[in-house]
Structure formats: structure tokens, C-alpha cells
Protein backbone atom coordinates (compact mmCIF):
# COMPACT_ATOMS: atom_id res chain seq x y z
CA MET A 1 -92.45 8.03 153.28
CA VAL A 2 -90.95 8.41 156.61
CA ARG A 3 -88.30 5.74 157.28
CA GLU A 4 -88.59 4.13 160.83
CA GLU A 5 -85.35 4.54 162.86
CA THR A 6 -83.47 1.42 163.78
CA PRO A 7 -84.31 0.58 167.34
CA ARG A 8 -81.46 1.29 169.78
CA LYS A 9 -79.78 -1.83 171.12
CA ALA A 10 -79.55 -2.50 174.89
CA LEU A 11 -75.66 -2.23 174.87
CA SER A 12 -75.18 -0.22 171.69
CA ASP A 13 -72.77 2.09 173.78
CA ILE A 14 -70.54 -0.69 175.04
CA ARG A 15 -67.32 -2.01 173.61
CA VAL A 16 -66.11 -5.36 174.34
CA LEU A 17 -62.72 -7.00 173.56
CA ASP A 18 -63.30 -10.81 173.10
CA LEU A 19 -60.27 -12.80 173.93
CA ALA A 20 -62.44 -15.99 174.74
CA GLY A 21 -62.11 -19.39 173.82
CA PRO A 22 -65.05 -22.12 173.80
CA LEU A 23 -65.53 -21.54 177.62
CA GLY A 24 -66.57 -18.08 177.19
CA VAL A 25 -67.65 -17.62 173.44
CA TYR A 26 -71.32 -17.67 174.25
CA CYS A 27 -70.83 -14.95 176.82
CA THR A 28 -69.50 -12.54 174.08
CA LYS A 29 -72.12 -13.73 171.60
CA MET A 30 -74.85 -12.71 173.97
CA LEU A 31 -73.24 -9.15 174.47
CA ALA A 32 -72.89 -8.82 170.82
CA ASP A 33 -76.42 -9.78 170.05
CA LEU A 34 -77.51 -7.31 172.50
CA GLY A 35 -75.89 -4.62 170.52
CA ALA A 36 -72.33 -4.22 172.07
CA ASP A 37 -69.44 -3.65 169.82
CA VAL A 38 -67.64 -6.89 170.28
CA ILE A 39 -64.17 -7.00 168.70
CA LYS A 40 -63.05 -10.58 168.47
CA VAL A 41 -59.24 -10.64 168.92
CA GLU A 42 -57.89 -13.50 166.88
CA ARG A 43 -54.35 -14.81 166.44
CA PRO A 44 -52.86 -14.35 162.97
CA GLY A 45 -54.40 -16.99 160.81
CA GLY A 46 -57.70 -17.16 162.76
CA ASP A 47 -59.02 -18.46 165.97
CA PRO A 48 -58.72 -22.12 166.63
CA THR A 49 -62.52 -22.50 167.00
CA ARG A 50 -62.87 -21.87 163.21
CA ASN A 51 -61.60 -25.46 162.73
CA LEU A 52 -64.43 -26.90 164.63
CA GLY A 53 -67.13 -28.52 162.69
CA PRO A 54 -69.76 -29.16 161.38
CA PHE A 55 -68.78 -27.06 158.31
CA TYR A 56 -70.97 -25.33 155.64
CA ARG A 57 -71.66 -27.90 152.96
CA ASP A 58 -69.14 -30.29 154.60
CA ASP A 59 -66.20 -28.22 153.41
CA PRO A 60 -63.68 -28.17 156.24
CA HIS A 61 -62.42 -24.60 155.89
CA PRO A 62 -61.75 -21.99 158.66
CA GLU A 63 -64.19 -19.61 156.97
CA ARG A 64 -67.07 -22.21 156.84
CA SER A 65 -67.41 -23.47 160.41
CA LEU A 66 -70.86 -23.48 161.46
CA TYR A 67 -69.66 -23.64 165.16
CA PHE A 68 -67.85 -20.32 164.53
CA PHE A 69 -70.80 -18.82 162.60
CA HIS A 70 -73.15 -19.40 165.45
CA PHE A 71 -71.07 -18.15 168.24
CA ASN A 72 -69.71 -15.03 166.49
CA THR A 73 -72.75 -13.21 165.07
CA ASN A 74 -72.50 -9.36 165.13
CA LYS A 75 -68.84 -9.44 166.19
CA ARG A 76 -65.93 -7.63 164.34
CA SER A 77 -62.68 -9.59 163.70
CA ILE A 78 -59.11 -8.41 164.19
CA THR A 79 -56.02 -10.38 164.16
CA LEU A 80 -53.35 -9.73 166.86
CA ASP A 81 -50.55 -11.76 168.40
CA ILE A 82 -50.55 -10.45 172.08
CA GLU A 83 -47.48 -12.53 172.78
CA THR A 84 -45.37 -10.05 170.87
CA ALA A 85 -44.36 -6.66 172.05
CA ASP A 86 -46.25 -4.88 169.29
CA GLY A 87 -49.22 -6.93 169.88
CA LYS A 88 -49.24 -6.15 173.63
CA ASP A 89 -48.82 -2.43 172.85
CA LEU A 90 -51.78 -2.40 170.45
CA LEU A 91 -53.99 -4.43 172.83
CA LYS A 92 -53.39 -1.70 175.67
CA ARG A 93 -54.44 0.82 173.13
CA LEU A 94 -57.53 -0.99 172.60
CA VAL A 95 -58.19 -1.34 176.19
CA LYS A 96 -58.32 2.52 176.61
CA GLY A 97 -61.57 2.57 174.75
CA ALA A 98 -63.01 -0.66 175.84
CA ASP A 99 -65.74 -1.27 178.62
CA ILE A 100 -65.18 -4.95 178.97
CA LEU A 101 -62.58 -7.42 178.25
CA VAL A 102 -63.48 -11.22 178.24
CA GLU A 103 -60.80 -13.76 178.42
CA THR A 104 -60.30 -17.46 178.99
CA PHE A 105 -56.43 -17.75 179.56
CA PRO A 106 -55.17 -19.77 182.55
CA PRO A 107 -54.90 -17.85 185.90
CA SER A 108 -51.86 -15.40 185.82
CA HIS A 109 -51.26 -15.93 182.01
CA LEU A 110 -52.09 -12.32 181.30
CA GLU A 111 -50.28 -11.17 184.41
CA GLY A 112 -47.16 -12.89 183.15
CA MET A 113 -47.22 -10.80 179.97
CA GLY A 114 -47.81 -7.55 181.88
CA LEU A 115 -51.47 -7.47 180.85
CA GLY A 116 -53.13 -8.50 184.31
CA TYR A 117 -55.98 -6.59 185.84
CA PRO A 118 -53.65 -4.20 187.77
CA ALA A 119 -51.93 -3.24 184.69
CA LEU A 120 -55.05 -2.74 182.55
CA ARG A 121 -56.80 -0.82 185.40
CA GLU A 122 -53.95 1.62 185.19
CA ILE A 123 -54.86 2.10 181.46
CA ASN A 124 -58.56 2.07 181.98
CA PRO A 125 -59.99 2.35 185.60
CA GLY A 126 -63.46 1.63 184.34
CA LEU A 127 -62.51 -1.67 182.63
CA ILE A 128 -64.60 -4.72 183.43
CA LEU A 129 -62.17 -7.76 183.13
CA THR A 130 -64.11 -10.92 182.96
CA SER A 131 -61.71 -13.85 183.53
CA ILE A 132 -63.34 -17.40 182.82
CA THR A 133 -61.42 -20.45 183.76
CA PRO A 134 -62.15 -24.18 184.79
CA PHE A 135 -61.83 -23.75 188.54
CA GLY A 136 -61.37 -19.82 189.19
CA GLN A 137 -58.41 -17.62 189.99
CA THR A 138 -57.81 -18.96 193.30
CA GLY A 139 -57.82 -22.27 195.30
CA PRO A 140 -55.68 -25.49 194.88
CA TYR A 141 -57.19 -26.34 191.52
CA ARG A 142 -56.74 -22.96 189.89
CA ASP A 143 -54.00 -24.22 187.58
CA PHE A 144 -55.83 -27.30 186.51
CA LYS A 145 -56.96 -27.44 182.93
CA GLY A 146 -60.50 -28.34 182.22
CA SER A 147 -62.77 -29.07 179.16
CA ASP A 148 -66.65 -29.25 179.11
CA ILE A 149 -66.59 -32.92 180.27
CA ILE A 150 -64.40 -32.15 183.16
CA GLY A 151 -66.67 -29.24 184.11
CA LEU A 152 -69.63 -31.53 184.19
CA ALA A 153 -67.82 -34.22 186.14
CA MET A 154 -66.23 -31.79 188.69
CA GLY A 155 -69.38 -29.57 189.09
CA GLY A 156 -71.41 -32.78 189.97
CA LEU A 157 -73.91 -32.84 187.07
CA MET A 158 -72.37 -35.81 185.37
CA PHE A 159 -72.90 -38.06 188.39
CA ILE A 160 -76.77 -37.79 188.15
CA GLY A 161 -76.99 -38.40 184.39
CA GLY A 162 -77.78 -41.86 183.14
CA TYR A 163 -79.11 -45.04 184.61
CA PRO A 164 -78.39 -46.48 188.10
CA ASP A 165 -76.57 -49.54 186.76
CA ASP A 166 -74.51 -47.60 184.32
CA PRO A 167 -71.53 -45.20 184.52
CA PRO A 168 -72.27 -41.47 184.74
CA ARG A 169 -73.23 -39.88 181.32
CA GLN A 170 -72.03 -36.64 179.74
CA THR A 171 -74.75 -34.22 178.56
CA GLY A 172 -74.28 -33.11 175.00
CA ALA A 173 -73.79 -29.80 173.28
CA SER A 174 -71.07 -28.29 175.69
CA GLN A 175 -73.61 -27.67 178.48
CA ALA A 176 -70.82 -26.84 181.10
CA TYR A 177 -69.35 -24.20 178.67
CA HIS A 178 -72.64 -22.78 177.97
CA GLU A 179 -73.74 -22.69 181.61
CA THR A 180 -70.51 -20.91 182.42
CA SER A 181 -70.91 -18.27 179.63
CA VAL A 182 -74.39 -17.54 180.81
CA ASN A 183 -73.17 -16.86 184.39
CA ALA A 184 -70.14 -14.91 183.11
CA CYS A 185 -72.57 -12.72 181.04
CA VAL A 186 -74.82 -12.01 184.07
CA ALA A 187 -71.89 -11.21 186.28
CA THR A 188 -70.33 -8.96 183.64
CA LEU A 189 -73.56 -7.09 183.24
CA ALA A 190 -73.91 -6.72 187.01
CA ALA A 191 -70.40 -5.31 187.24
CA LEU A 192 -71.10 -3.00 184.28
CA TYR A 193 -74.22 -1.62 186.07
CA ASN A 194 -72.21 -1.10 189.24
CA ARG A 195 -69.55 0.99 187.19
CA ASP A 196 -72.38 2.91 185.66
CA MET A 197 -73.58 3.74 189.09
CA GLY A 198 -70.35 5.18 190.00
CA GLY A 199 -68.56 2.14 191.38
CA GLY A 200 -65.55 1.90 188.96
CA GLY A 201 -64.32 -1.21 187.10
CA GLN A 202 -63.54 -4.58 188.59
CA GLN A 203 -62.32 -8.08 187.79
CA VAL A 204 -64.94 -10.71 187.44
CA ASP A 205 -63.67 -14.23 188.42
CA VAL A 206 -65.80 -17.02 186.93
CA SER A 207 -65.27 -20.74 187.70
CA MET A 208 -66.88 -23.38 185.39
CA GLN A 209 -66.95 -25.83 188.34
CA GLU A 210 -68.91 -23.43 190.42
CA CYS A 211 -71.34 -22.47 187.58
CA VAL A 212 -72.17 -26.26 187.10
CA ALA A 213 -72.45 -26.85 190.88
CA VAL A 214 -74.80 -24.00 191.43
CA ALA A 215 -77.05 -25.36 188.61
CA LEU A 216 -77.69 -28.71 190.40
CA GLN A 217 -80.70 -27.32 192.25
CA TYR A 218 -81.89 -29.61 194.92
CA VAL A 219 -78.88 -32.23 194.64
CA THR A 220 -76.47 -30.57 197.10
CA THR A 221 -79.35 -29.48 199.48
CA PHE A 222 -80.41 -33.00 199.85
CA TYR A 223 -76.99 -33.86 201.11
CA ASP A 224 -76.48 -30.81 203.20
CA LEU A 225 -79.85 -31.22 205.04
CA ARG A 226 -80.47 -35.06 204.98
CA LYS A 227 -76.97 -36.53 204.08
CA GLU A 228 -78.50 -38.39 201.20
CA ILE A 229 -76.67 -38.60 197.82
CA VAL A 230 -78.83 -38.30 194.80
CA ILE A 231 -78.37 -40.91 192.23
CA ARG A 232 -78.97 -41.60 188.55
CA ASN A 233 -82.45 -42.83 187.85
CA GLY A 234 -82.62 -43.20 184.06
CA THR A 235 -85.41 -41.33 182.21
CA VAL A 236 -86.98 -39.82 185.22
CA LEU A 237 -85.62 -37.17 187.69
CA ALA A 238 -82.48 -38.18 189.72
CA VAL A 239 -83.67 -39.20 193.30
CA PRO A 240 -81.86 -39.82 196.63
CA ALA A 241 -80.32 -43.30 197.02
CA SER A 242 -82.88 -44.19 199.74
CA TYR A 243 -85.67 -43.76 197.25
CA PRO A 244 -87.09 -46.97 195.55
CA PRO A 245 -86.18 -47.61 191.80
CA ARG A 246 -88.52 -46.26 189.29
CA ARG A 247 -92.01 -47.89 189.63
CA ARG A 248 -94.23 -45.05 188.78
CA ILE A 249 -95.57 -44.30 185.37
CA GLN A 250 -93.45 -41.51 184.05
CA GLY A 251 -90.33 -40.71 182.01
CA LEU A 252 -89.37 -41.32 178.49
CA TYR A 253 -91.37 -43.59 176.07
CA ALA A 254 -90.66 -44.39 172.49
CA SER A 255 -93.36 -43.03 170.09
CA LYS A 256 -93.73 -44.01 166.34
CA ASP A 257 -91.26 -41.25 165.33
CA GLY A 258 -89.08 -40.63 168.38
CA TYR A 259 -89.62 -40.13 172.08
CA VAL A 260 -92.00 -38.30 174.39
CA ASN A 261 -91.75 -37.34 178.15
CA LEU A 262 -94.80 -38.50 180.06
CA HIS A 263 -95.52 -37.14 183.60
CA PRO A 264 -99.10 -37.86 184.27
CA LEU A 265 -98.87 -37.14 187.89
CA GLY A 266 -102.53 -37.25 189.24
CA ARG A 267 -103.97 -37.80 185.83
CA LEU A 268 -103.46 -41.56 185.39
CA PHE A 269 -107.25 -42.17 185.16
CA GLU A 270 -107.45 -39.51 182.19
CA LEU A 271 -104.54 -41.29 180.51
CA VAL A 272 -106.36 -44.59 180.67
CA ASP A 273 -109.58 -42.93 179.42
CA TRP A 274 -107.65 -41.61 176.48
CA MET A 275 -106.07 -45.02 175.70
CA ALA A 276 -109.56 -46.58 175.90
CA SER A 277 -110.96 -43.95 173.45
CA THR A 278 -108.44 -45.42 170.96
CA GLY A 279 -109.16 -49.13 171.84
CA LEU A 280 -105.60 -49.59 173.33
CA ALA A 281 -106.22 -49.52 177.12
CA GLY A 282 -106.06 -53.39 177.20
CA ASP A 283 -107.54 -54.43 180.51
CA LEU A 284 -106.66 -51.29 182.33
CA LYS A 285 -110.32 -50.25 182.69
CA GLU A 286 -111.07 -53.24 184.75
CA GLU A 287 -111.69 -52.87 188.42
CA LYS A 288 -108.43 -54.34 189.68
CA TRP A 289 -106.30 -52.08 187.59
CA GLN A 290 -108.39 -49.05 188.19
CA ARG A 291 -107.81 -49.54 191.94
CA LEU A 292 -104.14 -50.06 191.58
CA ILE A 293 -103.93 -46.90 189.24
CA GLY A 294 -105.67 -44.95 191.85
CA ILE A 295 -103.12 -45.80 194.41
CA VAL A 296 -99.92 -45.37 192.44
CA GLY A 297 -101.23 -42.22 190.88
CA ASP A 298 -101.54 -40.46 194.40
CA ALA A 299 -98.49 -39.41 196.39
CA LYS A 300 -99.99 -40.25 199.72
CA GLY A 301 -101.54 -43.47 198.45
CA LEU A 302 -98.24 -44.58 197.00
CA GLU A 303 -96.32 -43.90 200.21
CA LYS A 304 -98.85 -46.27 202.19
CA PHE A 305 -98.54 -48.81 199.31
CA MET A 306 -94.80 -48.97 199.54
CA ALA A 307 -95.10 -49.65 203.29
CA ASP A 308 -96.89 -52.88 202.59
CA ALA A 309 -93.90 -54.94 201.64
CA GLU A 310 -95.88 -57.80 200.08
CA ALA A 311 -98.15 -55.62 197.99
CA TRP A 312 -95.31 -53.49 196.89
CA ALA A 313 -93.26 -56.56 195.85
CA ARG A 314 -96.17 -57.78 193.83
CA TRP A 315 -96.47 -54.37 192.07
CA VAL A 316 -92.86 -54.22 191.27
CA ARG A 317 -92.71 -57.84 190.08
CA GLU A 318 -95.91 -58.27 188.24
CA GLU A 319 -98.32 -55.37 188.06
CA PHE A 320 -96.09 -52.41 187.21
CA PRO A 321 -94.61 -54.15 184.12
CA HIS A 322 -98.07 -54.87 182.83
CA VAL A 323 -99.46 -51.33 183.24
CA ASP A 324 -96.18 -49.67 182.02
CA GLY A 325 -95.93 -52.05 179.09
CA THR A 326 -99.77 -51.35 178.16
CA ILE A 327 -99.00 -47.56 178.32
CA ALA A 328 -95.71 -48.01 176.25
CA ASP A 329 -97.47 -50.01 173.54
CA PHE A 330 -100.10 -47.22 173.17
CA ILE A 331 -97.56 -44.50 172.92
CA ALA A 332 -95.54 -46.55 170.34
CA ARG A 333 -98.49 -46.54 168.02
CA HIS A 334 -98.63 -42.62 167.81
CA THR A 335 -96.46 -39.86 166.49
CA LYS A 336 -94.98 -37.29 168.90
CA ARG A 337 -97.33 -34.54 167.43
CA GLU A 338 -100.31 -36.64 167.94
CA LEU A 339 -99.46 -37.51 171.51
CA CYS A 340 -98.85 -33.90 172.35
CA ASP A 341 -102.03 -32.55 170.68
CA GLU A 342 -104.31 -35.27 172.19
CA GLY A 343 -102.52 -35.03 175.48
CA GLN A 344 -103.44 -31.40 175.74
CA ARG A 345 -107.07 -32.27 174.97
CA TRP A 346 -107.19 -35.00 177.66
CA ARG A 347 -105.08 -32.78 180.00
CA VAL A 348 -102.44 -35.38 180.29
CA PRO A 349 -98.79 -33.96 180.64
CA ILE A 350 -96.95 -35.46 177.69
CA VAL A 351 -94.52 -33.61 175.54
CA PRO A 352 -92.32 -34.56 172.53
CA VAL A 353 -88.62 -34.80 172.82
CA ASN A 354 -87.72 -32.53 169.97
CA ASN A 355 -84.68 -32.94 167.71
CA ALA A 356 -83.29 -30.18 165.60
CA GLN A 357 -85.57 -30.82 162.79
CA ASP A 358 -88.59 -30.62 164.98
CA LEU A 359 -87.37 -27.32 166.46
CA ALA A 360 -86.94 -25.91 163.05
CA GLY A 361 -90.55 -26.52 162.13
CA ASN A 362 -91.93 -25.95 165.69
CA PRO A 363 -95.24 -23.83 165.33
CA GLN A 364 -94.60 -21.97 168.62
CA LEU A 365 -90.96 -21.03 167.59
CA LEU A 366 -92.05 -20.09 163.98
CA ALA A 367 -95.08 -17.98 165.37
CA ARG A 368 -92.68 -16.02 167.57
CA ASP A 369 -90.12 -15.32 164.73
CA PHE A 370 -87.51 -17.27 166.89
CA PHE A 371 -85.40 -17.96 163.82
CA VAL A 372 -83.47 -15.18 162.00
CA ASP A 373 -81.69 -15.06 158.63
CA ALA A 374 -78.11 -13.53 158.16
CA GLU A 375 -76.63 -12.88 154.70
CA HIS A 376 -73.32 -14.53 153.89
CA PRO A 377 -72.22 -12.78 150.68
CA GLU A 378 -68.86 -14.68 150.47
CA LEU A 379 -71.01 -18.06 150.42
CA GLY A 380 -73.65 -16.56 148.14
CA ALA A 381 -76.16 -17.73 150.86
CA SER A 382 -78.41 -16.67 153.53
CA LEU A 383 -78.25 -18.85 156.65
CA ARG A 384 -80.72 -19.29 159.32
CA TYR A 385 -79.84 -18.89 162.93
CA PRO A 386 -81.55 -19.62 166.37
CA GLY A 387 -82.83 -16.31 167.69
CA ALA A 388 -83.11 -14.64 171.06
CA PRO A 389 -84.17 -16.62 174.28
CA TYR A 390 -85.83 -13.29 175.59
CA ARG A 391 -87.69 -10.17 174.18
CA LEU A 392 -86.84 -6.66 175.04
CA SER A 393 -89.67 -4.28 173.79
CA GLU A 394 -87.57 -1.10 173.63
CA THR A 395 -84.07 -2.33 172.97
CA PRO A 396 -84.49 -5.62 170.95
CA TRP A 397 -81.96 -8.24 170.39
CA GLY A 398 -80.99 -8.99 166.85
CA VAL A 399 -78.52 -10.46 164.49
CA ALA A 400 -77.26 -7.50 162.49
CA ARG A 401 -74.53 -9.33 160.57
CA ARG A 402 -72.89 -12.71 160.16
CA ALA A 403 -69.81 -13.89 161.97
CA PRO A 404 -66.69 -12.02 160.64
CA LEU A 405 -63.96 -13.31 158.35
CA ILE A 406 -60.53 -13.67 159.72
CA GLY A 407 -59.27 -10.18 160.25
CA GLU A 408 -62.03 -8.64 158.27
CA HIS A 409 -62.03 -5.49 160.37
CA ASN A 410 -58.28 -4.96 160.76
CA ALA A 411 -58.21 -1.76 158.55
CA GLN A 412 -61.41 -0.48 160.18
CA VAL A 413 -59.94 -0.84 163.72
CA TYR A 414 -56.23 -0.30 163.26
CA GLU A 415 -56.21 2.30 160.52
CA GLY A 416 -59.58 3.96 161.14
CA GLU A 417 -59.63 3.98 164.98
CA LEU A 418 -56.14 3.58 166.19
CA ARG A 419 -54.81 5.88 163.29
CA LEU A 420 -52.02 3.40 162.18
CA SER A 421 -50.64 4.16 158.86
CA ARG A 422 -50.66 1.66 156.03
CA GLU A 423 -46.86 1.35 156.17
CA ARG A 424 -47.13 0.55 159.85
CA MET A 425 -49.79 -2.11 159.18
CA ARG A 426 -47.68 -3.59 156.57
CA SER A 427 -44.75 -3.91 158.97
CA LEU A 428 -46.80 -5.40 161.80
CA LYS A 429 -48.19 -7.91 159.47
CA GLU A 430 -44.65 -8.85 158.20
CA ALA A 431 -43.38 -9.13 161.78
CA GLY A 432 -46.43 -11.48 162.53
CA ALA A 433 -48.02 -9.18 165.13
CA ILE A 434 -51.22 -8.87 163.16
């Protein structure tokens, strides 16, 4: 039998030194999962993110952090204190053979240790140094510290999250960090492509504030072109302050087992027909309500309707609550899956708001083999991970190994690649350098 060769990975010939904290850890994960040899440089004793929960089987231990597991698949780990003279020397030796170094230190921190880009470029002219900070390497805010919530707030995304009468809301799951990491990865790959085309190495300056701000889509454009500030609008899209409050049938509704997002657009008649087929349309099939549904379900008709102050006031005060309440009651009597499946049949745009359990059993994700398993011999278990958000037919993404243990690859890197003797390794460890 002929054994199939393991497919070549997109970045299998690239080495990355990972000195990134939470702000850039997803950037290096993406590089590692694309096949790059990512060496995570941890302080002796382990990276601080190993202490972030949740933990495997609720055991708070630096080798059981599910956070660390997720963000460090396919990486190798070495321990190194770059604040020491020996540590700096070892990092410089590693830089000689690296293509990319990703770091999230404050601006000028590495320069203060003699490890800034000019010094590293002297060692390796082709090095891509990706520096990820809250506000960038220049400007009046360059030295400000910043967490995920600060990135959301200073980038403008937090202002449009929540309800009009409530304070701005933070989105979950470190979205500012992840948005920054994605942009950092794209910029790093662009710099790598430029180098491979003969352009040489360079420093990539990534600002979290700018990464969040650029993702606001139409929000800044509205102000730039119309001088209108987009406001929070609850469960529907944020809108300019001059727009009326939500009085259209759309947004989040509570179902029997969670929430769904309904945006019927020009399909309100079909929605009511669907409700009538289940006996839950109430009086919405009557002529009065059919006329109103035809008006508010059409963009041009709604604009004219809003111009009639008396008619619009009556809709807001009496008619909208009745229509909206009848639809809400219909939705509350069905599960998310039922609503999604029947919505497809009636061609009404309604989708489930999936939680983690829903995603784990989602038929589309399962059909595409989205989830992958990685063995954890030290735990005596195989854990399931989210997979690739893209598919490369010739150089596939993949999880080849679980996140590394603390300093798991010290001997492999220091002895095997840098040719340090065991005696030298012992002295470095005793001195706290590794």
C-alpha cells in the first residue's frame, strides 16, 4: 500500500518567534495553524495567559488552561527571560533563523533592551517584526495602556452597542483583541510577501484602536458625509440619531429555547401567512392589518407613512405594539430549529442566535468537519477544537498538535538547534535565564 504524503502547509517554511500576549496571541495561532513553526517564548515558569480560565475539568493549573490550549495549538514552547543578558543573547541567536517576530510590548520597550527593530535588522535584514500595541508606535497615546474594553471604547465600537436609553455595552469574547490579531496577521503576511518578492524585512506597526475603528463600516462614513452620529438601537442595526426609534418588525425575538434574529424585509406578508398556517396570526389577516403590513414592509411606503405625523403617531402608540406582540407570541411558541427550518420554507429571513452548544451540534459545521480533535497525552484525553475559518485546497490548515507544555521544547531548540551543551543549559536554568 502506498502511503499518502502529508500535504504541504502554506507556511511550512516560515519560522515565527511568538512574544505576544493576549493582544496578539490569535495572530500567532493563525500563523501556526497555517503551518509556520511558531516558537512561543515564555518567561521561566510559564506565560501569564496559562493562568486564564476556564480550566480543564475546573482544575486551575497552568497546564490546564482552555484559553491557552485554544490559542496555542501547533506551537512549540521555550522558556526565556529576555530581561537578562543571557536571555537577550539567546533571543538574538534565535532571531538569526527567524522570518517573523510578533510582540506586544509597550512602544520602545524592546529598544530599551537593545532589541528594537534597528538592532534586530542588523542581525537579520529579512526579519518581519510585528509590533502590536493598544495605540500604535507613534502619536500622543502611544504610551497609554489598553485592555480589550479600552480598545472597544476608544475604537468607537462600544458606543453603538446596547440600547438607546442605556450606557454603551461591551461585546464579549475579547473582540477588540481578535480584530487586532486578524489585522496583524494580514499585515504580517503582506510584509512577508513583499520580502519574498525582494523587498527585504520591515516593522509592522499595528494599533488596536485603529483595527477597531476600521471595522465600524458605515458609522464613520455617516459622520464624515452627513455629520450624523450613529446611535445605539437595541436589537437592530445601529442607526443615525436623526432616524426614528425602532418601529419596524425586525431584530431579536425570544423563542421557546433561546433567541432568533428576524429580518423579514419585504416578506411580512409571507411571515403572516406562515403564522396563519399555524393558527397564530391573530387578526393580522384582516384588511386593516394587511394594509398596514404592506406599508411598513416597504421602504418607500414607510417613508411616506412617517411623513404623516398623525398616522405615524398612531402606529407607534397602538398598531406597532399589536403587530409586534402577535409576532413575538408566535415566535415564543417555537424552538429556534423549528423557526429556522420553517423560515427557509416560507422564505422568511429568520435565523437562530446560536450558543456554544448549538454550534457544537450544528449540522453545517459538522458536515464541513469544522471541529478537529487533538490528543493531550498528559491529560489522558482528546479535546475538540474549533477548526479553520477558511479552506485551502492545496496547502490545508490543520491542528497537528496540542498547545505545548511550559518549556516543552527547550532541549529541542537550545540543544538541538542552538547547540548548547547540557552543562550550559543547566547553568542558564540556575541563573533564571531559561
